[in-house]
Structures are given as C-alpha cells and as structure tokens.
C-alpha cells in the first residue's frame, strides 16, 4: 500500500470524498506539517500551530495510481486560494499535498503543472514532504459517515 496526505479545507469532506474512491483502502484525518507536537483540534483551530487539517490516504496502486488520485484531488479544491476553502478561513484550511515517498514528487509536480494551465492565477497549494501527521481526535474520524447531515464544504453529490 502507498500513502499520501491531502489538505483541502475542512478534513471531514476531504476524507469522505477519498473514502469513496475505488482503490483507496483507508483514510484518516489529522493535522499535518505544523510546529506543535500532538495538537488538539481546538489548538489547530486557532491557526497558531502551523498544522493543516489533512487526510492521510492509503491506497492500492494496483487499483488506482497516484496520478489518478491527484486528478481527483484537484476536483475538490480551488488551488489558487491561500488559507481558505469554501467558507473555512485560516492557515489550517490551506491546500497541500504532502508526500511520504520522494519518488512521488515528479508525478505531483507534473500534476501541478497540468492543473496550472486551467488557471490565470498561480496555484498556491503546498507541495512538501510530510514532516509530521498527528491523527485527529476519534470523533473526527469518518465524521460524515457517522453524521451524514454534517457540515461539508464539498458537494459530494457531484462525485
């Protein structure tokens, strides 16, 4: 199994979206690439931890490629907006692709270059190695499966 971490606003919708994709074996929401060890949700919400609300995606590359996952990621974010997705504002809601395998970087860069052709403004999505990932509290895991009418900035009915 391969892993990658996507940040795209509130992590509830990002996780639910990726969990529906054939070949995605497991998802887990958490806090990525900040400077506070083992932060709480309340701490991340202040915007002072440096963490992005993120979704760790474990996938079977024999079923879905990284390139396909990246194409799907771009469908749910506006990569030209800094520190905001939908109504959620703050650096914890930034877009980001955080890789665990350096060998994934060329495919990620190619994906960004292809996506950039669709926009007149520069893509501001962070592309960085995963420095840290702290799983969010249990009540956030699979939140929209547990709370189907819960808040989501992604229109999941389109996918």
N, C-alpha and C. Protein backbone atom coordinates (compact mmCIF):
# COMPACT_ATOMS: atom_id res chain seq x y z
N UNK A 1 0.83 -1.18 0.00
CA UNK A 1 0.00 0.00 0.00
C UNK A 1 0.88 1.25 0.00
N UNK A 2 0.39 2.27 -0.67
CA UNK A 2 1.07 3.57 -0.72
C UNK A 2 0.26 4.56 0.11
N UNK A 3 0.92 5.65 0.51
CA UNK A 3 0.24 6.68 1.29
C UNK A 3 0.62 8.06 0.78
N UNK A 4 -0.34 8.96 0.91
CA UNK A 4 -0.14 10.38 0.61
C UNK A 4 -1.11 11.15 1.49
N UNK A 5 -0.79 12.41 1.75
CA UNK A 5 -1.64 13.24 2.59
C UNK A 5 -2.12 14.43 1.78
N UNK A 6 -3.44 14.65 1.81
CA UNK A 6 -4.05 15.78 1.11
C UNK A 6 -4.68 16.73 2.12
N UNK A 7 -4.44 18.03 1.93
CA UNK A 7 -5.12 19.07 2.69
C UNK A 7 -5.98 19.86 1.71
N UNK A 8 -7.23 20.09 2.08
CA UNK A 8 -8.13 20.77 1.17
C UNK A 8 -9.31 21.40 1.89
N UNK A 9 -9.03 22.14 2.95
CA UNK A 9 -10.11 22.72 3.74
C UNK A 9 -10.50 21.77 4.85
N UNK A 10 -11.72 21.87 5.31
CA UNK A 10 -12.20 21.01 6.39
C UNK A 10 -11.96 19.55 6.05
N UNK A 11 -11.33 18.83 6.96
CA UNK A 11 -10.93 17.46 6.64
C UNK A 11 -12.07 16.46 6.61
N UNK A 12 -13.22 16.80 7.14
CA UNK A 12 -14.36 15.87 7.11
C UNK A 12 -14.74 15.52 5.68
N UNK A 13 -14.92 16.54 4.84
CA UNK A 13 -15.32 16.31 3.46
C UNK A 13 -14.23 15.68 2.63
N UNK A 14 -12.98 16.09 2.87
CA UNK A 14 -11.86 15.52 2.12
C UNK A 14 -11.79 14.02 2.38
N UNK A 15 -11.93 13.63 3.65
CA UNK A 15 -11.88 12.22 3.98
C UNK A 15 -13.05 11.46 3.36
N UNK A 16 -14.24 11.99 3.46
CA UNK A 16 -15.40 11.29 2.90
C UNK A 16 -15.24 11.12 1.39
N UNK A 17 -14.79 12.16 0.72
CA UNK A 17 -14.59 12.12 -0.73
C UNK A 17 -13.61 11.00 -1.10
N UNK A 18 -12.43 11.00 -0.49
CA UNK A 18 -11.43 10.00 -0.85
C UNK A 18 -11.85 8.59 -0.44
N UNK A 19 -12.62 8.47 0.63
CA UNK A 19 -13.04 7.14 1.08
C UNK A 19 -13.94 6.44 0.06
N UNK A 20 -14.56 7.21 -0.81
CA UNK A 20 -15.47 6.66 -1.81
C UNK A 20 -14.77 6.22 -3.10
N UNK A 21 -13.49 6.45 -3.21
CA UNK A 21 -12.76 6.17 -4.45
C UNK A 21 -12.26 4.72 -4.44
N UNK A 22 -12.63 3.94 -5.46
CA UNK A 22 -12.12 2.56 -5.53
C UNK A 22 -10.59 2.55 -5.56
N UNK A 23 -10.03 1.70 -4.74
CA UNK A 23 -8.58 1.61 -4.62
C UNK A 23 -8.05 2.29 -3.38
N UNK A 24 -8.85 3.20 -2.79
CA UNK A 24 -8.48 3.80 -1.51
C UNK A 24 -8.87 2.80 -0.44
N UNK A 25 -7.88 2.36 0.31
CA UNK A 25 -8.06 1.29 1.28
C UNK A 25 -8.43 1.84 2.66
N UNK A 26 -7.84 2.98 3.01
CA UNK A 26 -8.07 3.55 4.34
C UNK A 26 -7.85 5.05 4.28
N UNK A 27 -8.59 5.79 5.10
CA UNK A 27 -8.38 7.22 5.26
C UNK A 27 -8.34 7.53 6.75
N UNK A 28 -7.62 8.58 7.08
CA UNK A 28 -7.54 9.01 8.48
C UNK A 28 -7.31 10.51 8.47
N UNK A 29 -8.12 11.25 9.21
CA UNK A 29 -7.92 12.69 9.28
C UNK A 29 -6.97 13.05 10.40
N UNK A 30 -6.29 14.18 10.20
CA UNK A 30 -5.34 14.62 11.20
C UNK A 30 -4.76 15.97 10.87
N UNK A 31 -3.70 16.28 11.56
CA UNK A 31 -3.06 17.59 11.49
C UNK A 31 -1.64 17.39 10.95
N UNK A 32 -1.35 18.08 9.84
CA UNK A 32 -0.08 17.84 9.14
C UNK A 32 0.79 19.09 9.07
N UNK A 33 2.08 18.83 9.15
CA UNK A 33 3.15 19.78 8.83
C UNK A 33 3.10 21.08 9.62
N UNK A 34 2.77 20.96 10.89
CA UNK A 34 2.81 22.12 11.77
C UNK A 34 4.01 22.04 12.70
N UNK A 35 4.05 22.93 13.67
CA UNK A 35 5.19 23.00 14.58
C UNK A 35 4.83 22.68 16.03
N UNK A 36 3.56 22.34 16.28
CA UNK A 36 3.12 21.97 17.62
C UNK A 36 2.97 20.45 17.69
N UNK A 37 3.62 19.84 18.69
CA UNK A 37 3.52 18.38 18.84
C UNK A 37 2.15 17.99 19.35
N UNK A 38 1.58 16.97 18.71
CA UNK A 38 0.31 16.36 19.13
C UNK A 38 -0.77 17.40 19.49
N UNK A 39 -1.12 18.25 18.53
CA UNK A 39 -2.08 19.31 18.83
C UNK A 39 -3.50 18.77 18.97
N UNK A 40 -4.32 19.54 19.66
CA UNK A 40 -5.74 19.23 19.73
C UNK A 40 -6.46 20.01 18.62
N UNK A 41 -7.68 19.61 18.35
CA UNK A 41 -8.50 20.31 17.36
C UNK A 41 -8.64 21.79 17.73
N UNK A 42 -8.88 22.05 18.99
CA UNK A 42 -9.06 23.43 19.46
C UNK A 42 -7.79 24.24 19.21
N UNK A 43 -6.62 23.65 19.43
CA UNK A 43 -5.36 24.35 19.17
C UNK A 43 -5.18 24.62 17.68
N UNK A 44 -5.48 23.63 16.84
CA UNK A 44 -5.33 23.80 15.39
C UNK A 44 -6.27 24.89 14.90
N UNK A 45 -7.47 24.96 15.46
CA UNK A 45 -8.46 25.97 15.04
C UNK A 45 -7.99 27.40 15.29
N UNK A 46 -7.04 27.60 16.20
CA UNK A 46 -6.54 28.96 16.45
C UNK A 46 -5.69 29.46 15.28
N UNK A 47 -5.19 28.53 14.45
CA UNK A 47 -4.31 28.91 13.36
C UNK A 47 -2.88 29.13 13.79
N UNK A 48 -2.57 28.88 15.05
CA UNK A 48 -1.23 29.16 15.56
C UNK A 48 -0.32 27.94 15.62
N UNK A 49 -0.82 26.76 15.27
CA UNK A 49 0.01 25.54 15.35
C UNK A 49 0.78 25.28 14.07
N UNK A 50 0.38 25.92 12.98
CA UNK A 50 1.02 25.68 11.69
C UNK A 50 0.51 24.44 10.98
N UNK A 51 -0.37 23.70 11.62
CA UNK A 51 -0.88 22.46 11.02
C UNK A 51 -2.00 22.74 10.03
N UNK A 52 -2.08 21.88 9.03
CA UNK A 52 -3.21 21.90 8.09
C UNK A 52 -4.12 20.73 8.42
N UNK A 53 -5.43 20.97 8.43
CA UNK A 53 -6.37 19.86 8.52
C UNK A 53 -6.15 19.02 7.27
N UNK A 54 -5.89 17.74 7.45
CA UNK A 54 -5.46 16.88 6.34
C UNK A 54 -6.08 15.51 6.42
N UNK A 55 -5.92 14.79 5.32
CA UNK A 55 -6.41 13.42 5.24
C UNK A 55 -5.30 12.53 4.71
N UNK A 56 -4.92 11.56 5.53
CA UNK A 56 -3.96 10.54 5.11
C UNK A 56 -4.72 9.51 4.30
N UNK A 57 -4.27 9.30 3.08
CA UNK A 57 -4.93 8.36 2.16
C UNK A 57 -3.99 7.20 1.91
N UNK A 58 -4.46 6.01 2.26
CA UNK A 58 -3.73 4.78 1.96
C UNK A 58 -4.43 4.15 0.77
N UNK A 59 -3.65 3.83 -0.28
CA UNK A 59 -4.28 3.32 -1.50
C UNK A 59 -3.47 2.17 -2.10
N UNK A 60 -4.18 1.37 -2.87
CA UNK A 60 -3.58 0.23 -3.56
C UNK A 60 -3.24 0.69 -4.97
N UNK A 61 -1.96 0.87 -5.25
CA UNK A 61 -1.55 1.40 -6.55
C UNK A 61 -1.80 0.41 -7.70
N UNK A 62 -2.19 -0.81 -7.38
CA UNK A 62 -2.59 -1.75 -8.43
C UNK A 62 -4.02 -1.47 -8.89
N UNK A 63 -4.76 -0.69 -8.10
CA UNK A 63 -6.14 -0.34 -8.43
C UNK A 63 -6.26 1.11 -8.89
N UNK A 64 -5.56 2.01 -8.20
CA UNK A 64 -5.59 3.42 -8.58
C UNK A 64 -4.17 4.00 -8.47
N UNK A 65 -3.80 4.77 -9.46
CA UNK A 65 -2.46 5.36 -9.47
C UNK A 65 -2.45 6.68 -8.71
N UNK A 66 -1.26 7.11 -8.36
CA UNK A 66 -1.11 8.42 -7.74
C UNK A 66 -1.62 9.50 -8.69
N UNK A 67 -1.33 9.36 -9.97
CA UNK A 67 -1.77 10.34 -10.96
C UNK A 67 -3.30 10.49 -10.95
N UNK A 68 -4.01 9.38 -10.84
CA UNK A 68 -5.48 9.43 -10.79
C UNK A 68 -5.97 10.06 -9.49
N UNK A 69 -5.33 9.75 -8.38
CA UNK A 69 -5.70 10.37 -7.11
C UNK A 69 -5.49 11.88 -7.17
N UNK A 70 -4.40 12.30 -7.78
CA UNK A 70 -4.14 13.73 -7.90
C UNK A 70 -5.20 14.41 -8.76
N UNK A 71 -5.60 13.78 -9.86
CA UNK A 71 -6.67 14.35 -10.69
C UNK A 71 -7.94 14.52 -9.88
N UNK A 72 -8.23 13.55 -9.04
CA UNK A 72 -9.43 13.61 -8.21
C UNK A 72 -9.30 14.71 -7.14
N UNK A 73 -8.12 14.86 -6.60
CA UNK A 73 -7.89 15.91 -5.61
C UNK A 73 -8.19 17.30 -6.18
N UNK A 74 -7.71 17.56 -7.37
CA UNK A 74 -7.91 18.89 -7.97
C UNK A 74 -9.38 19.21 -8.21
N UNK A 75 -10.23 18.19 -8.27
CA UNK A 75 -11.66 18.42 -8.47
C UNK A 75 -12.36 19.04 -7.26
N UNK A 76 -11.75 18.91 -6.08
CA UNK A 76 -12.43 19.35 -4.86
C UNK A 76 -11.81 20.58 -4.20
N UNK A 77 -10.77 21.14 -4.80
CA UNK A 77 -10.14 22.32 -4.20
C UNK A 77 -10.04 23.44 -5.23
N UNK A 78 -9.94 24.66 -4.72
CA UNK A 78 -9.52 25.79 -5.54
C UNK A 78 -8.08 26.05 -5.14
N UNK A 79 -7.12 25.60 -5.95
CA UNK A 79 -5.72 25.69 -5.56
C UNK A 79 -5.12 27.08 -5.67
N UNK A 80 -5.92 28.07 -6.09
CA UNK A 80 -5.41 29.43 -6.22
C UNK A 80 -5.75 30.30 -5.02
N UNK A 81 -6.47 29.74 -4.06
CA UNK A 81 -6.86 30.50 -2.87
C UNK A 81 -5.96 30.09 -1.70
N UNK A 82 -5.34 31.06 -1.09
CA UNK A 82 -4.45 30.79 0.05
C UNK A 82 -5.24 30.79 1.35
N UNK A 83 -5.04 29.76 2.15
CA UNK A 83 -5.59 29.69 3.51
C UNK A 83 -7.11 29.77 3.56
N UNK A 84 -7.75 29.14 2.57
CA UNK A 84 -9.21 29.13 2.58
C UNK A 84 -9.72 28.10 1.58
N UNK A 85 -10.79 27.41 1.96
CA UNK A 85 -11.56 26.57 1.06
C UNK A 85 -13.00 26.69 1.50
N UNK A 86 -13.89 26.98 0.56
CA UNK A 86 -15.28 27.20 0.92
C UNK A 86 -15.35 28.31 1.96
N UNK A 87 -16.21 28.16 2.96
CA UNK A 87 -16.34 29.21 3.98
C UNK A 87 -15.28 29.12 5.08
N UNK A 88 -14.40 28.13 5.01
CA UNK A 88 -13.40 27.92 6.06
C UNK A 88 -12.16 28.75 5.78
N UNK A 89 -11.81 29.61 6.72
CA UNK A 89 -10.69 30.54 6.53
C UNK A 89 -9.66 30.33 7.63
N UNK A 90 -8.39 30.32 7.24
CA UNK A 90 -7.29 30.20 8.19
C UNK A 90 -6.22 29.28 7.60
N UNK A 91 -5.00 29.40 8.10
CA UNK A 91 -3.92 28.59 7.52
C UNK A 91 -4.13 27.10 7.74
N UNK A 92 -4.98 26.73 8.70
CA UNK A 92 -5.27 25.31 8.91
C UNK A 92 -6.15 24.75 7.79
N UNK A 93 -6.70 25.62 6.95
CA UNK A 93 -7.55 25.18 5.83
C UNK A 93 -6.86 25.34 4.48
N UNK A 94 -5.56 25.51 4.49
CA UNK A 94 -4.81 25.65 3.24
C UNK A 94 -4.85 24.35 2.45
N UNK A 95 -4.55 24.46 1.17
CA UNK A 95 -4.43 23.25 0.36
C UNK A 95 -2.98 22.78 0.39
N UNK A 96 -2.83 21.46 0.36
CA UNK A 96 -1.48 20.91 0.39
C UNK A 96 -1.45 19.46 -0.04
N UNK A 97 -0.36 19.10 -0.63
CA UNK A 97 -0.08 17.70 -0.97
C UNK A 97 1.23 17.37 -0.29
N UNK A 98 1.17 16.47 0.66
CA UNK A 98 2.33 16.11 1.47
C UNK A 98 2.68 14.64 1.18
N UNK A 99 3.84 14.45 0.62
CA UNK A 99 4.23 13.11 0.17
C UNK A 99 5.15 12.43 1.18
N UNK A 100 5.03 11.11 1.23
CA UNK A 100 5.85 10.30 2.12
C UNK A 100 7.00 9.64 1.35
N UNK A 101 6.85 9.55 0.05
CA UNK A 101 7.83 8.88 -0.81
C UNK A 101 8.36 9.89 -1.81
N UNK A 102 9.64 10.18 -1.73
CA UNK A 102 10.29 11.14 -2.64
C UNK A 102 10.07 10.78 -4.10
N UNK A 103 9.90 9.49 -4.38
CA UNK A 103 9.66 9.04 -5.75
C UNK A 103 8.32 9.55 -6.30
N UNK A 104 7.43 10.01 -5.43
CA UNK A 104 6.14 10.55 -5.86
C UNK A 104 6.23 11.99 -6.35
N UNK A 105 7.32 12.68 -6.02
CA UNK A 105 7.42 14.11 -6.33
C UNK A 105 7.31 14.42 -7.83
N UNK A 106 7.96 13.70 -8.73
CA UNK A 106 7.80 14.04 -10.16
C UNK A 106 6.34 13.99 -10.63
N UNK A 107 5.59 13.00 -10.21
CA UNK A 107 4.18 12.90 -10.60
C UNK A 107 3.38 14.06 -10.01
N UNK A 108 3.69 14.44 -8.79
CA UNK A 108 2.99 15.56 -8.14
C UNK A 108 3.29 16.85 -8.90
N UNK A 109 4.56 17.10 -9.21
CA UNK A 109 4.94 18.32 -9.93
C UNK A 109 4.28 18.36 -11.31
N UNK A 110 4.25 17.24 -12.00
CA UNK A 110 3.61 17.19 -13.31
C UNK A 110 2.11 17.50 -13.18
N UNK A 111 1.49 16.97 -12.15
CA UNK A 111 0.08 17.21 -11.91
C UNK A 111 -0.18 18.70 -11.65
N UNK A 112 0.66 19.32 -10.86
CA UNK A 112 0.51 20.75 -10.58
C UNK A 112 0.66 21.54 -11.88
N UNK A 113 1.67 21.20 -12.68
CA UNK A 113 1.88 21.90 -13.96
C UNK A 113 0.68 21.76 -14.88
N UNK A 114 0.11 20.58 -14.94
CA UNK A 114 -1.08 20.36 -15.78
C UNK A 114 -2.27 21.15 -15.25
N UNK A 115 -2.42 21.18 -13.96
CA UNK A 115 -3.55 21.89 -13.35
C UNK A 115 -3.39 23.40 -13.53
N UNK A 116 -2.17 23.88 -13.46
CA UNK A 116 -1.92 25.32 -13.58
C UNK A 116 -2.45 25.87 -14.91
N UNK A 117 -2.46 25.07 -15.94
CA UNK A 117 -2.93 25.50 -17.27
C UNK A 117 -4.40 25.91 -17.25
N UNK A 118 -5.14 25.51 -16.22
CA UNK A 118 -6.57 25.81 -16.13
C UNK A 118 -6.84 27.15 -15.45
N UNK A 119 -5.80 27.79 -14.90
CA UNK A 119 -5.99 28.98 -14.09
C UNK A 119 -5.17 30.15 -14.59
N UNK A 120 -5.71 31.35 -14.41
CA UNK A 120 -4.99 32.57 -14.72
C UNK A 120 -4.16 33.07 -13.55
N UNK A 121 -4.43 32.53 -12.36
CA UNK A 121 -3.69 32.88 -11.16
C UNK A 121 -2.79 31.71 -10.78
N UNK A 122 -1.72 31.97 -10.06
CA UNK A 122 -0.83 30.87 -9.68
C UNK A 122 -1.46 29.92 -8.66
N UNK A 123 -1.11 28.67 -8.76
CA UNK A 123 -1.51 27.67 -7.76
C UNK A 123 -0.67 27.90 -6.51
N UNK A 124 -1.34 27.95 -5.36
CA UNK A 124 -0.65 28.20 -4.09
C UNK A 124 -0.65 26.96 -3.20
N UNK A 125 -1.10 25.84 -3.71
CA UNK A 125 -1.12 24.59 -2.95
C UNK A 125 0.30 24.22 -2.54
N UNK A 126 0.47 23.93 -1.26
CA UNK A 126 1.79 23.50 -0.77
C UNK A 126 2.12 22.11 -1.31
N UNK A 127 3.33 21.94 -1.76
CA UNK A 127 3.84 20.63 -2.16
C UNK A 127 5.10 20.42 -1.32
N UNK A 128 4.99 19.55 -0.34
CA UNK A 128 6.11 19.35 0.59
C UNK A 128 6.14 17.90 1.05
N UNK A 129 7.32 17.47 1.51
CA UNK A 129 7.34 16.16 2.17
C UNK A 129 6.53 16.24 3.46
N UNK A 130 5.97 15.12 3.87
CA UNK A 130 5.23 15.08 5.12
C UNK A 130 6.24 15.11 6.26
N UNK A 131 6.20 16.19 7.03
CA UNK A 131 7.10 16.31 8.18
C UNK A 131 6.51 15.61 9.40
N UNK A 132 5.20 15.79 9.58
CA UNK A 132 4.53 15.17 10.71
C UNK A 132 3.04 15.06 10.41
N UNK A 133 2.42 14.09 11.03
CA UNK A 133 0.98 13.90 10.91
C UNK A 133 0.50 13.35 12.24
N UNK A 134 -0.38 14.10 12.87
CA UNK A 134 -0.98 13.68 14.14
C UNK A 134 -2.44 13.36 13.88
N UNK A 135 -2.87 12.12 14.12
CA UNK A 135 -4.28 11.80 13.91
C UNK A 135 -5.18 12.70 14.76
N UNK A 136 -6.27 13.12 14.16
CA UNK A 136 -7.26 13.92 14.89
C UNK A 136 -7.99 13.04 15.89
N UNK A 137 -8.70 13.68 16.76
CA UNK A 137 -9.48 13.00 17.78
C UNK A 137 -10.46 12.03 17.11
N UNK A 138 -10.81 10.99 17.83
CA UNK A 138 -11.63 9.91 17.26
C UNK A 138 -12.97 10.41 16.71
N UNK A 139 -13.57 11.40 17.35
CA UNK A 139 -14.87 11.86 16.87
C UNK A 139 -14.79 12.51 15.48
N UNK A 140 -13.59 12.91 15.06
CA UNK A 140 -13.41 13.46 13.70
C UNK A 140 -13.25 12.36 12.65
N UNK A 141 -12.83 11.17 13.05
CA UNK A 141 -12.58 10.09 12.09
C UNK A 141 -13.90 9.61 11.50
N UNK A 142 -13.95 9.56 10.16
CA UNK A 142 -15.16 9.10 9.44
C UNK A 142 -16.38 9.92 9.88
N UNK A 143 -16.16 11.19 10.14
CA UNK A 143 -17.20 12.05 10.70
C UNK A 143 -18.49 12.05 9.88
N UNK A 144 -18.37 12.20 8.56
CA UNK A 144 -19.57 12.28 7.74
C UNK A 144 -20.26 10.93 7.55
N UNK A 145 -19.56 9.84 7.80
CA UNK A 145 -20.22 8.53 7.81
C UNK A 145 -21.08 8.42 9.07
N UNK A 146 -20.55 8.94 10.19
CA UNK A 146 -21.27 8.91 11.46
C UNK A 146 -22.38 9.98 11.51
N UNK A 147 -22.17 11.07 10.77
CA UNK A 147 -23.09 12.21 10.78
C UNK A 147 -23.38 12.62 9.34
N UNK A 148 -24.20 11.85 8.63
CA UNK A 148 -24.41 12.10 7.19
C UNK A 148 -24.93 13.49 6.85
N UNK A 149 -25.55 14.17 7.79
CA UNK A 149 -26.03 15.52 7.53
C UNK A 149 -25.08 16.58 8.08
N UNK A 150 -23.86 16.15 8.42
CA UNK A 150 -22.88 17.08 8.97
C UNK A 150 -22.36 18.06 7.93
N UNK A 151 -21.67 19.07 8.41
CA UNK A 151 -21.13 20.12 7.56
C UNK A 151 -20.10 19.57 6.58
N UNK A 152 -20.20 20.03 5.33
CA UNK A 152 -19.19 19.68 4.33
C UNK A 152 -19.15 20.76 3.28
N UNK A 153 -17.96 21.29 3.02
CA UNK A 153 -17.81 22.34 2.01
C UNK A 153 -17.72 21.77 0.60
N UNK A 154 -17.61 20.46 0.49
CA UNK A 154 -17.54 19.78 -0.82
C UNK A 154 -18.92 19.24 -1.17
N UNK A 155 -19.37 19.48 -2.37
CA UNK A 155 -20.65 18.94 -2.80
C UNK A 155 -20.43 17.49 -3.22
N UNK A 156 -20.60 16.59 -2.27
CA UNK A 156 -20.32 15.18 -2.50
C UNK A 156 -21.33 14.54 -3.43
N UNK A 157 -22.46 15.19 -3.67
CA UNK A 157 -23.46 14.62 -4.58
C UNK A 157 -22.96 14.64 -6.03
N UNK A 158 -21.93 15.43 -6.32
CA UNK A 158 -21.38 15.50 -7.67
C UNK A 158 -20.42 14.36 -7.96
N UNK A 159 -20.04 13.62 -6.95
CA UNK A 159 -19.00 12.60 -7.14
C UNK A 159 -19.53 11.20 -6.84
